[in-house]
Amino acid sequence: MNREWPWLLLALLGAYHGLNPAMGWLFALALGLQEKRRAAIFAALLPIALGHAIAIAVTILLLRFLQYLVPLHTLKWIVAIILFALGIYRLFRSSHPRSAGMRVGSRDLLVWSFLMSSAHGAGLMIVPILMSQQMPGMTHMMMGASPTETSHLSAPVILIAVLVHTAAMLLIAGILAILFFESYERAGLKLLQRTWLNFDLFWAIALLIAGFAALWF
């Protein structure tokens, strides 16, 4: 179980990111409603998921680079402080696009998703898991062997981590977009508004929890 829980948490965080309308399923739904076909939802979700995956991968690669320069204990505090700052910021201030032109292509959706995921700290949220000593594929340096004694993730583990997280995100986002597409004429739009507002608070709390996790693991 010790070797499995990091993967489970990565998948659960991916599912949680998929639940958040700011991560893209609301955008995909809007395109589907505009074109009045489910295929438009799936066509939008793929570049959205790819943009999210790139944001996650960039964060992980940056972490891997910093692990060679900064001691693990110090790096954990840096990550925790950034997560706390993002969480507190989103507790007191949150904003989302109120209107936008919906004639967008796959490249536009990919760039939008990358920027939105980066701005919301989606990649940083999974960093505490990747810094955990129980993360499979970690290579550990001997104490005293280097002034920056730390652990490093192997390239295959980085790739699998991004795939597991993104697959869970895409699955949940797709399910939500389709469910709302099918029911929007009844209660869907009202439920969308409530879900959007609630996730501002939930996302801020999740960032704060991730900050504590960075220090705990």
N, C-alpha and C. Protein backbone atom coordinates (compact mmCIF):
# COMPACT_ATOMS: atom_id res chain seq x y z
N MET A 1 0.83 -1.20 0.00
CA MET A 1 0.00 0.00 0.00
C MET A 1 0.87 1.26 0.00
N ASN A 2 2.06 1.18 0.66
CA ASN A 2 2.94 2.34 0.72
C ASN A 2 3.39 2.79 -0.66
N ARG A 3 3.50 1.83 -1.60
CA ARG A 3 3.94 2.15 -2.95
C ARG A 3 2.79 2.56 -3.85
N GLU A 4 1.57 2.27 -3.43
CA GLU A 4 0.41 2.55 -4.27
C GLU A 4 -0.26 3.88 -3.95
N TRP A 5 -0.17 4.35 -2.71
CA TRP A 5 -0.94 5.54 -2.34
C TRP A 5 -0.53 6.79 -3.10
N PRO A 6 0.75 6.98 -3.48
CA PRO A 6 1.04 8.19 -4.28
C PRO A 6 0.30 8.21 -5.61
N TRP A 7 0.20 7.04 -6.26
CA TRP A 7 -0.52 6.98 -7.53
C TRP A 7 -2.01 7.23 -7.33
N LEU A 8 -2.55 6.70 -6.24
CA LEU A 8 -3.95 6.93 -5.93
C LEU A 8 -4.23 8.41 -5.68
N LEU A 9 -3.34 9.06 -4.95
CA LEU A 9 -3.51 10.50 -4.69
C LEU A 9 -3.39 11.32 -5.96
N LEU A 10 -2.47 10.93 -6.84
CA LEU A 10 -2.33 11.63 -8.12
C LEU A 10 -3.62 11.53 -8.93
N ALA A 11 -4.22 10.33 -8.94
CA ALA A 11 -5.47 10.14 -9.67
C ALA A 11 -6.61 10.92 -9.01
N LEU A 12 -6.67 10.91 -7.68
CA LEU A 12 -7.72 11.64 -6.98
C LEU A 12 -7.61 13.15 -7.20
N LEU A 13 -6.37 13.65 -7.20
CA LEU A 13 -6.18 15.08 -7.48
C LEU A 13 -6.55 15.40 -8.93
N GLY A 14 -6.26 14.47 -9.83
CA GLY A 14 -6.68 14.65 -11.22
C GLY A 14 -8.19 14.73 -11.32
N ALA A 15 -8.87 13.84 -10.59
CA ALA A 15 -10.34 13.86 -10.58
C ALA A 15 -10.84 15.16 -9.98
N TYR A 16 -10.18 15.63 -8.93
CA TYR A 16 -10.57 16.88 -8.29
C TYR A 16 -10.38 18.06 -9.24
N HIS A 17 -9.27 18.06 -9.96
CA HIS A 17 -9.05 19.11 -10.95
C HIS A 17 -10.10 19.05 -12.05
N GLY A 18 -10.50 17.83 -12.42
CA GLY A 18 -11.54 17.68 -13.42
C GLY A 18 -12.88 18.23 -12.97
N LEU A 19 -13.15 18.17 -11.67
CA LEU A 19 -14.40 18.71 -11.12
C LEU A 19 -14.47 20.23 -11.22
N ASN A 20 -13.32 20.87 -11.16
CA ASN A 20 -13.28 22.33 -11.13
C ASN A 20 -13.66 22.91 -12.49
N PRO A 21 -14.73 23.70 -12.58
CA PRO A 21 -15.11 24.29 -13.87
C PRO A 21 -14.03 25.18 -14.46
N ALA A 22 -13.18 25.76 -13.61
CA ALA A 22 -12.12 26.63 -14.12
C ALA A 22 -11.04 25.86 -14.87
N MET A 23 -11.00 24.54 -14.71
CA MET A 23 -10.00 23.74 -15.41
C MET A 23 -10.42 23.36 -16.82
N GLY A 24 -11.66 23.68 -17.23
CA GLY A 24 -11.96 23.53 -18.64
C GLY A 24 -13.26 22.88 -19.04
N TRP A 25 -13.88 22.06 -18.15
CA TRP A 25 -15.08 21.37 -18.63
C TRP A 25 -16.23 22.35 -18.90
N LEU A 26 -16.24 23.49 -18.19
CA LEU A 26 -17.29 24.48 -18.44
C LEU A 26 -17.11 25.10 -19.84
N PHE A 27 -15.86 25.32 -20.22
CA PHE A 27 -15.55 25.85 -21.54
C PHE A 27 -15.99 24.85 -22.61
N ALA A 28 -15.65 23.58 -22.40
CA ALA A 28 -16.03 22.54 -23.35
C ALA A 28 -17.55 22.43 -23.46
N LEU A 29 -18.22 22.54 -22.33
CA LEU A 29 -19.68 22.49 -22.33
C LEU A 29 -20.27 23.64 -23.13
N ALA A 30 -19.71 24.84 -22.93
CA ALA A 30 -20.21 26.01 -23.65
C ALA A 30 -20.07 25.82 -25.16
N LEU A 31 -18.95 25.25 -25.58
CA LEU A 31 -18.76 25.00 -27.01
C LEU A 31 -19.75 23.94 -27.52
N GLY A 32 -19.99 22.93 -26.69
CA GLY A 32 -20.95 21.91 -27.07
C GLY A 32 -22.35 22.45 -27.20
N LEU A 33 -22.74 23.32 -26.26
CA LEU A 33 -24.07 23.93 -26.32
C LEU A 33 -24.19 24.87 -27.51
N GLN A 34 -23.10 25.57 -27.80
CA GLN A 34 -23.13 26.50 -28.93
C GLN A 34 -23.31 25.76 -30.26
N GLU A 35 -22.62 24.63 -30.40
CA GLU A 35 -22.71 23.88 -31.65
C GLU A 35 -23.80 22.81 -31.62
N LYS A 36 -24.40 22.62 -30.40
CA LYS A 36 -25.51 21.67 -30.24
C LYS A 36 -25.13 20.24 -30.64
N ARG A 37 -23.93 19.82 -30.23
CA ARG A 37 -23.51 18.45 -30.49
C ARG A 37 -22.44 18.02 -29.48
N ARG A 38 -22.51 16.75 -29.08
CA ARG A 38 -21.58 16.21 -28.09
C ARG A 38 -20.16 16.16 -28.64
N ALA A 39 -20.02 15.92 -29.92
CA ALA A 39 -18.67 15.81 -30.50
C ALA A 39 -17.84 17.06 -30.25
N ALA A 40 -18.48 18.21 -30.18
CA ALA A 40 -17.75 19.46 -29.93
C ALA A 40 -17.16 19.47 -28.52
N ILE A 41 -17.85 18.81 -27.58
CA ILE A 41 -17.34 18.72 -26.22
C ILE A 41 -16.06 17.90 -26.19
N PHE A 42 -16.09 16.73 -26.82
CA PHE A 42 -14.91 15.87 -26.84
C PHE A 42 -13.75 16.53 -27.59
N ALA A 43 -14.06 17.22 -28.67
CA ALA A 43 -13.03 17.91 -29.44
C ALA A 43 -12.36 19.01 -28.62
N ALA A 44 -13.11 19.64 -27.72
CA ALA A 44 -12.55 20.70 -26.88
C ALA A 44 -11.79 20.14 -25.69
N LEU A 45 -12.27 19.01 -25.15
CA LEU A 45 -11.65 18.47 -23.94
C LEU A 45 -10.23 17.96 -24.19
N LEU A 46 -9.95 17.45 -25.37
CA LEU A 46 -8.61 16.89 -25.64
C LEU A 46 -7.51 17.95 -25.55
N PRO A 47 -7.61 19.09 -26.26
CA PRO A 47 -6.57 20.12 -26.09
C PRO A 47 -6.55 20.73 -24.70
N ILE A 48 -7.73 20.80 -24.05
CA ILE A 48 -7.77 21.30 -22.68
C ILE A 48 -6.98 20.38 -21.75
N ALA A 49 -7.17 19.07 -21.91
CA ALA A 49 -6.42 18.11 -21.09
C ALA A 49 -4.93 18.17 -21.41
N LEU A 50 -4.58 18.35 -22.68
CA LEU A 50 -3.17 18.44 -23.06
C LEU A 50 -2.53 19.68 -22.45
N GLY A 51 -3.23 20.82 -22.47
CA GLY A 51 -2.70 22.03 -21.85
C GLY A 51 -2.50 21.84 -20.36
N HIS A 52 -3.45 21.15 -19.71
CA HIS A 52 -3.32 20.86 -18.28
C HIS A 52 -2.11 19.97 -18.03
N ALA A 53 -1.93 18.95 -18.89
CA ALA A 53 -0.81 18.04 -18.73
C ALA A 53 0.53 18.77 -18.89
N ILE A 54 0.60 19.68 -19.84
CA ILE A 54 1.84 20.43 -20.04
C ILE A 54 2.15 21.29 -18.83
N ALA A 55 1.13 21.92 -18.25
CA ALA A 55 1.33 22.73 -17.05
C ALA A 55 1.85 21.87 -15.90
N ILE A 56 1.27 20.66 -15.76
CA ILE A 56 1.73 19.74 -14.72
C ILE A 56 3.17 19.32 -14.98
N ALA A 57 3.47 18.96 -16.24
CA ALA A 57 4.81 18.50 -16.59
C ALA A 57 5.86 19.59 -16.37
N VAL A 58 5.53 20.82 -16.73
CA VAL A 58 6.47 21.94 -16.53
C VAL A 58 6.78 22.10 -15.05
N THR A 59 5.75 22.00 -14.21
CA THR A 59 5.95 22.13 -12.76
C THR A 59 6.85 21.01 -12.24
N ILE A 60 6.60 19.77 -12.71
CA ILE A 60 7.40 18.63 -12.26
C ILE A 60 8.85 18.77 -12.71
N LEU A 61 9.06 19.17 -13.96
CA LEU A 61 10.42 19.33 -14.46
C LEU A 61 11.16 20.44 -13.72
N LEU A 62 10.43 21.51 -13.39
CA LEU A 62 11.05 22.58 -12.60
C LEU A 62 11.43 22.06 -11.22
N LEU A 63 10.55 21.25 -10.62
CA LEU A 63 10.87 20.64 -9.33
C LEU A 63 12.12 19.78 -9.43
N ARG A 64 12.19 18.96 -10.48
CA ARG A 64 13.34 18.07 -10.67
C ARG A 64 14.63 18.87 -10.82
N PHE A 65 14.57 20.00 -11.52
CA PHE A 65 15.75 20.84 -11.68
C PHE A 65 16.18 21.45 -10.35
N LEU A 66 15.19 21.95 -9.59
CA LEU A 66 15.51 22.58 -8.31
C LEU A 66 16.04 21.59 -7.29
N GLN A 67 15.66 20.31 -7.43
CA GLN A 67 16.14 19.31 -6.49
C GLN A 67 17.65 19.15 -6.53
N TYR A 68 18.27 19.51 -7.65
CA TYR A 68 19.72 19.44 -7.76
C TYR A 68 20.41 20.66 -7.16
N LEU A 69 19.64 21.71 -6.89
CA LEU A 69 20.21 22.96 -6.41
C LEU A 69 19.86 23.28 -4.97
N VAL A 70 18.71 22.79 -4.52
CA VAL A 70 18.19 23.17 -3.21
C VAL A 70 17.98 21.93 -2.35
N PRO A 71 18.40 21.94 -1.09
CA PRO A 71 18.14 20.80 -0.20
C PRO A 71 16.65 20.51 -0.11
N LEU A 72 16.32 19.24 0.07
CA LEU A 72 14.92 18.82 0.08
C LEU A 72 14.11 19.56 1.14
N HIS A 73 14.68 19.71 2.34
CA HIS A 73 13.95 20.40 3.42
C HIS A 73 13.62 21.83 3.03
N THR A 74 14.59 22.52 2.44
CA THR A 74 14.37 23.90 2.01
C THR A 74 13.35 23.96 0.88
N LEU A 75 13.45 23.01 -0.06
CA LEU A 75 12.53 22.99 -1.19
C LEU A 75 11.10 22.77 -0.73
N LYS A 76 10.90 21.94 0.27
CA LYS A 76 9.56 21.71 0.81
C LYS A 76 8.98 23.00 1.38
N TRP A 77 9.80 23.77 2.07
CA TRP A 77 9.31 25.03 2.63
C TRP A 77 8.98 26.03 1.52
N ILE A 78 9.79 26.05 0.46
CA ILE A 78 9.51 26.96 -0.66
C ILE A 78 8.18 26.61 -1.30
N VAL A 79 7.97 25.32 -1.56
CA VAL A 79 6.71 24.87 -2.16
C VAL A 79 5.54 25.18 -1.25
N ALA A 80 5.70 24.91 0.05
CA ALA A 80 4.62 25.15 1.00
C ALA A 80 4.24 26.63 1.05
N ILE A 81 5.24 27.51 1.06
CA ILE A 81 4.97 28.95 1.12
C ILE A 81 4.22 29.41 -0.12
N ILE A 82 4.64 28.91 -1.29
CA ILE A 82 3.94 29.29 -2.53
C ILE A 82 2.50 28.81 -2.50
N LEU A 83 2.28 27.56 -2.05
CA LEU A 83 0.93 27.02 -1.97
C LEU A 83 0.07 27.80 -0.98
N PHE A 84 0.65 28.14 0.18
CA PHE A 84 -0.09 28.94 1.16
C PHE A 84 -0.48 30.30 0.57
N ALA A 85 0.48 30.92 -0.13
CA ALA A 85 0.22 32.24 -0.72
C ALA A 85 -0.91 32.16 -1.76
N LEU A 86 -0.87 31.15 -2.62
CA LEU A 86 -1.92 30.98 -3.61
C LEU A 86 -3.27 30.70 -2.95
N GLY A 87 -3.24 29.85 -1.92
CA GLY A 87 -4.48 29.51 -1.22
C GLY A 87 -5.11 30.71 -0.55
N ILE A 88 -4.30 31.50 0.15
CA ILE A 88 -4.81 32.70 0.82
C ILE A 88 -5.31 33.71 -0.20
N TYR A 89 -4.58 33.85 -1.31
CA TYR A 89 -5.01 34.78 -2.36
C TYR A 89 -6.38 34.39 -2.91
N ARG A 90 -6.57 33.08 -3.17
CA ARG A 90 -7.84 32.65 -3.73
C ARG A 90 -8.96 32.65 -2.70
N LEU A 91 -8.62 32.65 -1.42
CA LEU A 91 -9.65 32.78 -0.39
C LEU A 91 -10.30 34.15 -0.41
N PHE A 92 -9.49 35.16 -0.70
CA PHE A 92 -9.99 36.54 -0.63
C PHE A 92 -10.26 37.17 -1.98
N ARG A 93 -9.76 36.55 -3.04
CA ARG A 93 -10.01 37.13 -4.35
C ARG A 93 -10.04 36.03 -5.40
N SER A 94 -11.08 35.99 -6.14
CA SER A 94 -11.20 35.02 -7.23
C SER A 94 -11.90 35.69 -8.38
N SER A 95 -11.43 35.42 -9.57
CA SER A 95 -12.06 36.01 -10.75
C SER A 95 -12.01 35.02 -11.89
N HIS A 96 -13.02 35.03 -12.71
CA HIS A 96 -13.11 34.15 -13.86
C HIS A 96 -13.60 34.96 -15.05
N PRO A 97 -13.30 34.51 -16.24
CA PRO A 97 -13.78 35.24 -17.41
C PRO A 97 -15.30 35.31 -17.42
N ARG A 98 -15.85 36.51 -17.62
CA ARG A 98 -17.30 36.69 -17.66
C ARG A 98 -17.84 36.53 -19.07
N SER A 99 -17.03 36.78 -20.03
CA SER A 99 -17.47 36.59 -21.41
C SER A 99 -16.25 36.39 -22.29
N ALA A 100 -16.44 35.66 -23.37
CA ALA A 100 -15.31 35.42 -24.26
C ALA A 100 -15.84 34.97 -25.60
N GLY A 101 -15.10 35.29 -26.63
CA GLY A 101 -15.48 34.80 -27.93
C GLY A 101 -15.29 33.29 -27.98
N MET A 102 -16.30 32.58 -28.48
CA MET A 102 -16.26 31.13 -28.43
C MET A 102 -15.76 30.51 -29.72
N ARG A 103 -15.32 31.33 -30.67
CA ARG A 103 -14.74 30.80 -31.90
C ARG A 103 -13.26 30.55 -31.65
N VAL A 104 -12.95 29.43 -31.05
CA VAL A 104 -11.57 29.12 -30.69
C VAL A 104 -11.18 27.79 -31.30
N GLY A 105 -9.89 27.66 -31.58
CA GLY A 105 -9.37 26.43 -32.13
C GLY A 105 -8.67 25.61 -31.08
N SER A 106 -8.15 24.46 -31.48
CA SER A 106 -7.47 23.56 -30.54
C SER A 106 -6.26 24.23 -29.90
N ARG A 107 -5.50 24.98 -30.69
CA ARG A 107 -4.32 25.65 -30.14
C ARG A 107 -4.72 26.68 -29.10
N ASP A 108 -5.80 27.43 -29.36
CA ASP A 108 -6.27 28.42 -28.39
C ASP A 108 -6.68 27.74 -27.07
N LEU A 109 -7.39 26.62 -27.18
CA LEU A 109 -7.82 25.90 -25.99
C LEU A 109 -6.63 25.35 -25.21
N LEU A 110 -5.62 24.85 -25.93
CA LEU A 110 -4.43 24.31 -25.27
C LEU A 110 -3.71 25.41 -24.48
N VAL A 111 -3.49 26.55 -25.13
CA VAL A 111 -2.80 27.66 -24.46
C VAL A 111 -3.62 28.17 -23.28
N TRP A 112 -4.93 28.30 -23.48
CA TRP A 112 -5.79 28.76 -22.40
C TRP A 112 -5.73 27.82 -21.20
N SER A 113 -5.79 26.51 -21.47
CA SER A 113 -5.76 25.52 -20.40
C SER A 113 -4.42 25.54 -19.67
N PHE A 114 -3.33 25.68 -20.43
CA PHE A 114 -2.01 25.74 -19.80
C PHE A 114 -1.91 26.95 -18.86
N LEU A 115 -2.36 28.10 -19.33
CA LEU A 115 -2.27 29.32 -18.52
C LEU A 115 -3.19 29.23 -17.30
N MET A 116 -4.41 28.71 -17.49
CA MET A 116 -5.36 28.61 -16.39
C MET A 116 -4.86 27.63 -15.33
N SER A 117 -4.35 26.48 -15.76
CA SER A 117 -3.84 25.49 -14.81
C SER A 117 -2.64 26.04 -14.05
N SER A 118 -1.77 26.75 -14.76
CA SER A 118 -0.59 27.34 -14.11
C SER A 118 -1.01 28.42 -13.11
N ALA A 119 -1.94 29.27 -13.52
CA ALA A 119 -2.37 30.36 -12.64
C ALA A 119 -3.07 29.86 -11.39
N HIS A 120 -3.77 28.73 -11.50
CA HIS A 120 -4.48 28.17 -10.36
C HIS A 120 -3.60 27.28 -9.48
N GLY A 121 -2.35 27.09 -9.86
CA GLY A 121 -1.45 26.28 -9.05
C GLY A 121 -1.75 24.80 -9.11
N ALA A 122 -2.34 24.33 -10.23
CA ALA A 122 -2.70 22.91 -10.34
C ALA A 122 -1.47 22.01 -10.25
N GLY A 123 -0.38 22.43 -10.92
CA GLY A 123 0.83 21.63 -10.87
C GLY A 123 1.46 21.61 -9.49
N LEU A 124 1.46 22.76 -8.83
CA LEU A 124 2.03 22.83 -7.49
C LEU A 124 1.30 21.95 -6.49
N MET A 125 0.00 21.73 -6.75
CA MET A 125 -0.80 20.95 -5.82
C MET A 125 -0.34 19.50 -5.73
N ILE A 126 0.29 18.98 -6.80
CA ILE A 126 0.73 17.59 -6.77
C ILE A 126 2.19 17.45 -6.36
N VAL A 127 2.90 18.58 -6.21
CA VAL A 127 4.31 18.53 -5.86
C VAL A 127 4.56 17.82 -4.53
N PRO A 128 3.75 18.06 -3.46
CA PRO A 128 4.00 17.33 -2.20
C PRO A 128 4.01 15.82 -2.37
N ILE A 129 3.16 15.29 -3.25
CA ILE A 129 3.14 13.84 -3.48
C ILE A 129 4.44 13.40 -4.13
N LEU A 130 4.91 14.18 -5.10
CA LEU A 130 6.12 13.81 -5.84
C LEU A 130 7.37 13.94 -4.97
N MET A 131 7.33 14.76 -3.94
CA MET A 131 8.47 14.91 -3.05
C MET A 131 8.45 13.89 -1.92
N SER A 132 7.37 13.10 -1.85
CA SER A 132 7.25 12.11 -0.78
C SER A 132 8.30 11.02 -0.93
N GLN A 133 8.83 10.57 0.18
CA GLN A 133 9.83 9.50 0.17
C GLN A 133 9.25 8.17 -0.28
N GLN A 134 7.91 8.04 -0.24
CA GLN A 134 7.26 6.80 -0.66
C GLN A 134 6.94 6.78 -2.15
N MET A 135 7.26 7.84 -2.87
CA MET A 135 6.95 7.90 -4.29
C MET A 135 7.80 6.89 -5.04
N PRO A 136 7.20 5.93 -5.77
CA PRO A 136 7.98 4.96 -6.54
C PRO A 136 8.87 5.66 -7.56
N GLY A 137 10.05 5.10 -7.76
CA GLY A 137 10.96 5.65 -8.76
C GLY A 137 11.87 6.74 -8.24
N MET A 138 11.81 7.00 -6.93
CA MET A 138 12.69 8.01 -6.35
C MET A 138 14.09 7.40 -6.19
N THR A 139 15.10 8.16 -6.54
CA THR A 139 16.48 7.75 -6.29
C THR A 139 17.03 8.64 -5.20
N HIS A 140 17.60 8.03 -4.19
CA HIS A 140 18.02 8.77 -2.99
C HIS A 140 19.54 8.89 -2.93
N MET A 141 19.99 10.09 -2.66
CA MET A 141 21.42 10.32 -2.50
C MET A 141 21.82 10.05 -1.06
N MET A 142 23.04 9.58 -0.86
CA MET A 142 23.53 9.29 0.49
C MET A 142 23.74 10.58 1.26
N MET A 143 23.48 10.53 2.55
CA MET A 143 23.71 11.71 3.39
C MET A 143 25.20 12.00 3.43
N GLY A 144 25.53 13.27 3.27
CA GLY A 144 26.91 13.69 3.28
C GLY A 144 27.57 13.62 1.92
N ALA A 145 26.86 13.02 0.96
CA ALA A 145 27.46 12.90 -0.37
C ALA A 145 27.38 14.19 -1.15
N SER A 146 26.48 15.06 -0.75
CA SER A 146 26.30 16.31 -1.48
C SER A 146 25.71 17.34 -0.54
N PRO A 147 26.08 18.63 -0.72
CA PRO A 147 25.48 19.67 0.11
C PRO A 147 23.99 19.81 -0.15
N THR A 148 23.50 19.28 -1.24
CA THR A 148 22.06 19.35 -1.51
C THR A 148 21.47 17.96 -1.49
N GLU A 149 21.67 17.23 -0.37
CA GLU A 149 21.14 15.87 -0.22
C GLU A 149 19.64 15.90 -0.44
N THR A 150 19.19 15.08 -1.38
CA THR A 150 17.77 15.10 -1.72
C THR A 150 17.41 13.84 -2.49
N SER A 151 16.21 13.80 -3.05
CA SER A 151 15.75 12.67 -3.84
C SER A 151 15.32 13.17 -5.20
N HIS A 152 15.41 12.30 -6.19
CA HIS A 152 15.11 12.72 -7.55
C HIS A 152 14.15 11.73 -8.21
N LEU A 153 13.25 12.26 -9.00
CA LEU A 153 12.31 11.44 -9.74
C LEU A 153 12.91 11.00 -11.07
N SER A 154 12.71 9.74 -11.42
CA SER A 154 13.17 9.26 -12.71
C SER A 154 12.23 9.74 -13.81
N ALA A 155 12.75 9.81 -15.03
CA ALA A 155 11.96 10.30 -16.17
C ALA A 155 10.70 9.46 -16.42
N PRO A 156 10.77 8.11 -16.38
CA PRO A 156 9.55 7.33 -16.59
C PRO A 156 8.47 7.62 -15.55
N VAL A 157 8.87 7.83 -14.31
CA VAL A 157 7.89 8.12 -13.26
C VAL A 157 7.23 9.47 -13.51
N ILE A 158 8.00 10.45 -13.98
CA ILE A 158 7.43 11.75 -14.30
C ILE A 158 6.36 11.61 -15.38
N LEU A 159 6.69 10.84 -16.42
CA LEU A 159 5.74 10.65 -17.52
C LEU A 159 4.47 9.94 -17.04
N ILE A 160 4.64 8.88 -16.26
CA ILE A 160 3.48 8.14 -15.77
C ILE A 160 2.64 9.00 -14.83
N ALA A 161 3.30 9.80 -13.99
CA ALA A 161 2.57 10.67 -13.07
C ALA A 161 1.69 11.66 -13.83
N VAL A 162 2.24 12.24 -14.89
CA VAL A 162 1.45 13.19 -15.70
C VAL A 162 0.28 12.48 -16.37
N LEU A 163 0.52 11.26 -16.90
CA LEU A 163 -0.53 10.52 -17.58
C LEU A 163 -1.64 10.10 -16.62
N VAL A 164 -1.28 9.60 -15.45
CA VAL A 164 -2.29 9.18 -14.46
C VAL A 164 -3.14 10.36 -14.03
N HIS A 165 -2.48 11.45 -13.70
CA HIS A 165 -3.20 12.64 -13.24
C HIS A 165 -4.12 13.20 -14.33
N THR A 166 -3.59 13.31 -15.55
CA THR A 166 -4.36 13.91 -16.64
C THR A 166 -5.51 13.01 -17.08
N ALA A 167 -5.30 11.69 -17.07
CA ALA A 167 -6.37 10.77 -17.46
C ALA A 167 -7.55 10.88 -16.50
N ALA A 168 -7.26 10.99 -15.20
CA ALA A 168 -8.34 11.14 -14.22
C ALA A 168 -9.06 12.47 -14.40
N MET A 169 -8.28 13.51 -14.67
CA MET A 169 -8.88 14.83 -14.89
C MET A 169 -9.79 14.82 -16.11
N LEU A 170 -9.32 14.22 -17.21
CA LEU A 170 -10.08 14.18 -18.45
C LEU A 170 -11.37 13.36 -18.28
N LEU A 171 -11.28 12.25 -17.57
CA LEU A 171 -12.45 11.40 -17.35
C LEU A 171 -13.56 12.15 -16.61
N ILE A 172 -13.21 12.79 -15.50
CA ILE A 172 -14.22 13.48 -14.71
C ILE A 172 -14.75 14.70 -15.45
N ALA A 173 -13.86 15.46 -16.09
CA ALA A 173 -14.30 16.64 -16.83
C ALA A 173 -15.26 16.24 -17.95
N GLY A 174 -14.95 15.13 -18.63
CA GLY A 174 -15.81 14.67 -19.71
C GLY A 174 -17.18 14.24 -19.21
N ILE A 175 -17.20 13.52 -18.10
CA ILE A 175 -18.47 13.08 -17.53
C ILE A 175 -19.34 14.27 -17.14
N LEU A 176 -18.73 15.26 -16.48
CA LEU A 176 -19.50 16.44 -16.06
C LEU A 176 -20.04 17.21 -17.25
N ALA A 177 -19.18 17.43 -18.25
CA ALA A 177 -19.62 18.19 -19.42
C ALA A 177 -20.79 17.51 -20.12
N ILE A 178 -20.72 16.19 -20.25
CA ILE A 178 -21.80 15.46 -20.92
C ILE A 178 -23.08 15.48 -20.08
N LEU A 179 -22.94 15.30 -18.76
CA LEU A 179 -24.12 15.32 -17.89
C LEU A 179 -24.84 16.66 -17.96
N PHE A 180 -24.08 17.75 -17.91
CA PHE A 180 -24.70 19.07 -18.00
C PHE A 180 -25.26 19.33 -19.40
N PHE A 181 -24.60 18.80 -20.40
CA PHE A 181 -25.09 18.95 -21.76
C PHE A 181 -26.47 18.31 -21.90
N GLU A 182 -26.64 17.15 -21.26
CA GLU A 182 -27.91 16.44 -21.36
C GLU A 182 -29.01 17.07 -20.53
N SER A 183 -28.66 17.78 -19.47
CA SER A 183 -29.69 18.26 -18.54
C SER A 183 -29.79 19.78 -18.45
N TYR A 184 -29.09 20.53 -19.28
CA TYR A 184 -29.03 21.98 -19.12
C TYR A 184 -30.39 22.65 -19.26
N GLU A 185 -31.31 22.07 -20.01
CA GLU A 185 -32.61 22.69 -20.21
C GLU A 185 -33.46 22.69 -18.94
N ARG A 186 -33.12 21.79 -17.99
CA ARG A 186 -33.89 21.72 -16.75
C ARG A 186 -33.21 22.52 -15.65
N ALA A 187 -32.24 21.91 -14.96
CA ALA A 187 -31.62 22.59 -13.82
C ALA A 187 -30.14 22.82 -14.04
N GLY A 188 -29.64 22.49 -15.20
CA GLY A 188 -28.20 22.52 -15.43
C GLY A 188 -27.55 23.86 -15.23
N LEU A 189 -28.12 24.92 -15.80
CA LEU A 189 -27.49 26.23 -15.73
C LEU A 189 -27.43 26.77 -14.31
N LYS A 190 -28.49 26.57 -13.52
CA LYS A 190 -28.48 27.00 -12.13
C LYS A 190 -27.43 26.24 -11.33
N LEU A 191 -27.36 24.92 -11.60
CA LEU A 191 -26.37 24.12 -10.90
C LEU A 191 -24.96 24.52 -11.29
N LEU A 192 -24.75 24.90 -12.53
CA LEU A 192 -23.44 25.38 -12.96
C LEU A 192 -22.99 26.58 -12.14
N GLN A 193 -23.90 27.54 -11.93
CA GLN A 193 -23.56 28.74 -11.19
C GLN A 193 -23.16 28.40 -9.75
N ARG A 194 -23.88 27.50 -9.12
CA ARG A 194 -23.56 27.12 -7.75
C ARG A 194 -22.22 26.39 -7.68
N THR A 195 -21.99 25.48 -8.62
CA THR A 195 -20.74 24.73 -8.63
C THR A 195 -19.55 25.66 -8.83
N TRP A 196 -19.70 26.63 -9.72
CA TRP A 196 -18.62 27.59 -9.99
C TRP A 196 -18.23 28.36 -8.73
N LEU A 197 -19.23 28.86 -8.01
CA LEU A 197 -18.98 29.65 -6.82
C LEU A 197 -18.37 28.81 -5.71
N ASN A 198 -18.89 27.60 -5.51
CA ASN A 198 -18.39 26.75 -4.44
C ASN A 198 -16.94 26.37 -4.66
N PHE A 199 -16.52 26.16 -5.89
CA PHE A 199 -15.16 25.69 -6.14
C PHE A 199 -14.12 26.76 -5.88
N ASP A 200 -14.48 28.02 -5.88
CA ASP A 200 -13.52 29.05 -5.49
C ASP A 200 -13.01 28.77 -4.08
N LEU A 201 -13.93 28.47 -3.18
CA LEU A 201 -13.55 28.19 -1.80
C LEU A 201 -12.86 26.85 -1.68
N PHE A 202 -13.41 25.81 -2.33
CA PHE A 202 -12.82 24.48 -2.25
C PHE A 202 -11.40 24.46 -2.79
N TRP A 203 -11.18 25.19 -3.88
CA TRP A 203 -9.85 25.20 -4.49
C TRP A 203 -8.83 25.88 -3.57
N ALA A 204 -9.24 26.97 -2.93
CA ALA A 204 -8.35 27.65 -1.99
C ALA A 204 -7.99 26.74 -0.82
N ILE A 205 -8.98 26.02 -0.30
CA ILE A 205 -8.73 25.10 0.81
C ILE A 205 -7.80 23.98 0.38
N ALA A 206 -7.99 23.47 -0.84
CA ALA A 206 -7.13 22.40 -1.35
C ALA A 206 -5.68 22.87 -1.47
N LEU A 207 -5.47 24.11 -1.90
CA LEU A 207 -4.12 24.65 -1.98
C LEU A 207 -3.47 24.73 -0.60
N LEU A 208 -4.24 25.16 0.38
CA LEU A 208 -3.72 25.25 1.75
C LEU A 208 -3.38 23.86 2.30
N ILE A 209 -4.25 22.88 2.04
CA ILE A 209 -3.98 21.51 2.48
C ILE A 209 -2.72 20.98 1.82
N ALA A 210 -2.56 21.27 0.52
CA ALA A 210 -1.35 20.84 -0.19
C ALA A 210 -0.10 21.47 0.42
N GLY A 211 -0.23 22.71 0.88
CA GLY A 211 0.90 23.37 1.53
C GLY A 211 1.32 22.65 2.80
N PHE A 212 0.34 22.26 3.62
CA PHE A 212 0.64 21.49 4.83
C PHE A 212 1.23 20.12 4.46
N ALA A 213 0.70 19.53 3.39
CA ALA A 213 1.18 18.21 2.96
C ALA A 213 2.64 18.28 2.52
N ALA A 214 3.03 19.39 1.91
CA ALA A 214 4.41 19.54 1.46
C ALA A 214 5.39 19.46 2.64
N LEU A 215 4.96 19.94 3.79
CA LEU A 215 5.81 19.91 4.99
C LEU A 215 5.69 18.58 5.73
N TRP A 216 4.58 17.90 5.56
CA TRP A 216 4.30 16.68 6.32
C TRP A 216 4.95 15.46 5.72
N PHE A 217 4.86 15.31 4.39
CA PHE A 217 5.36 14.09 3.75
C PHE A 217 6.88 14.04 3.77
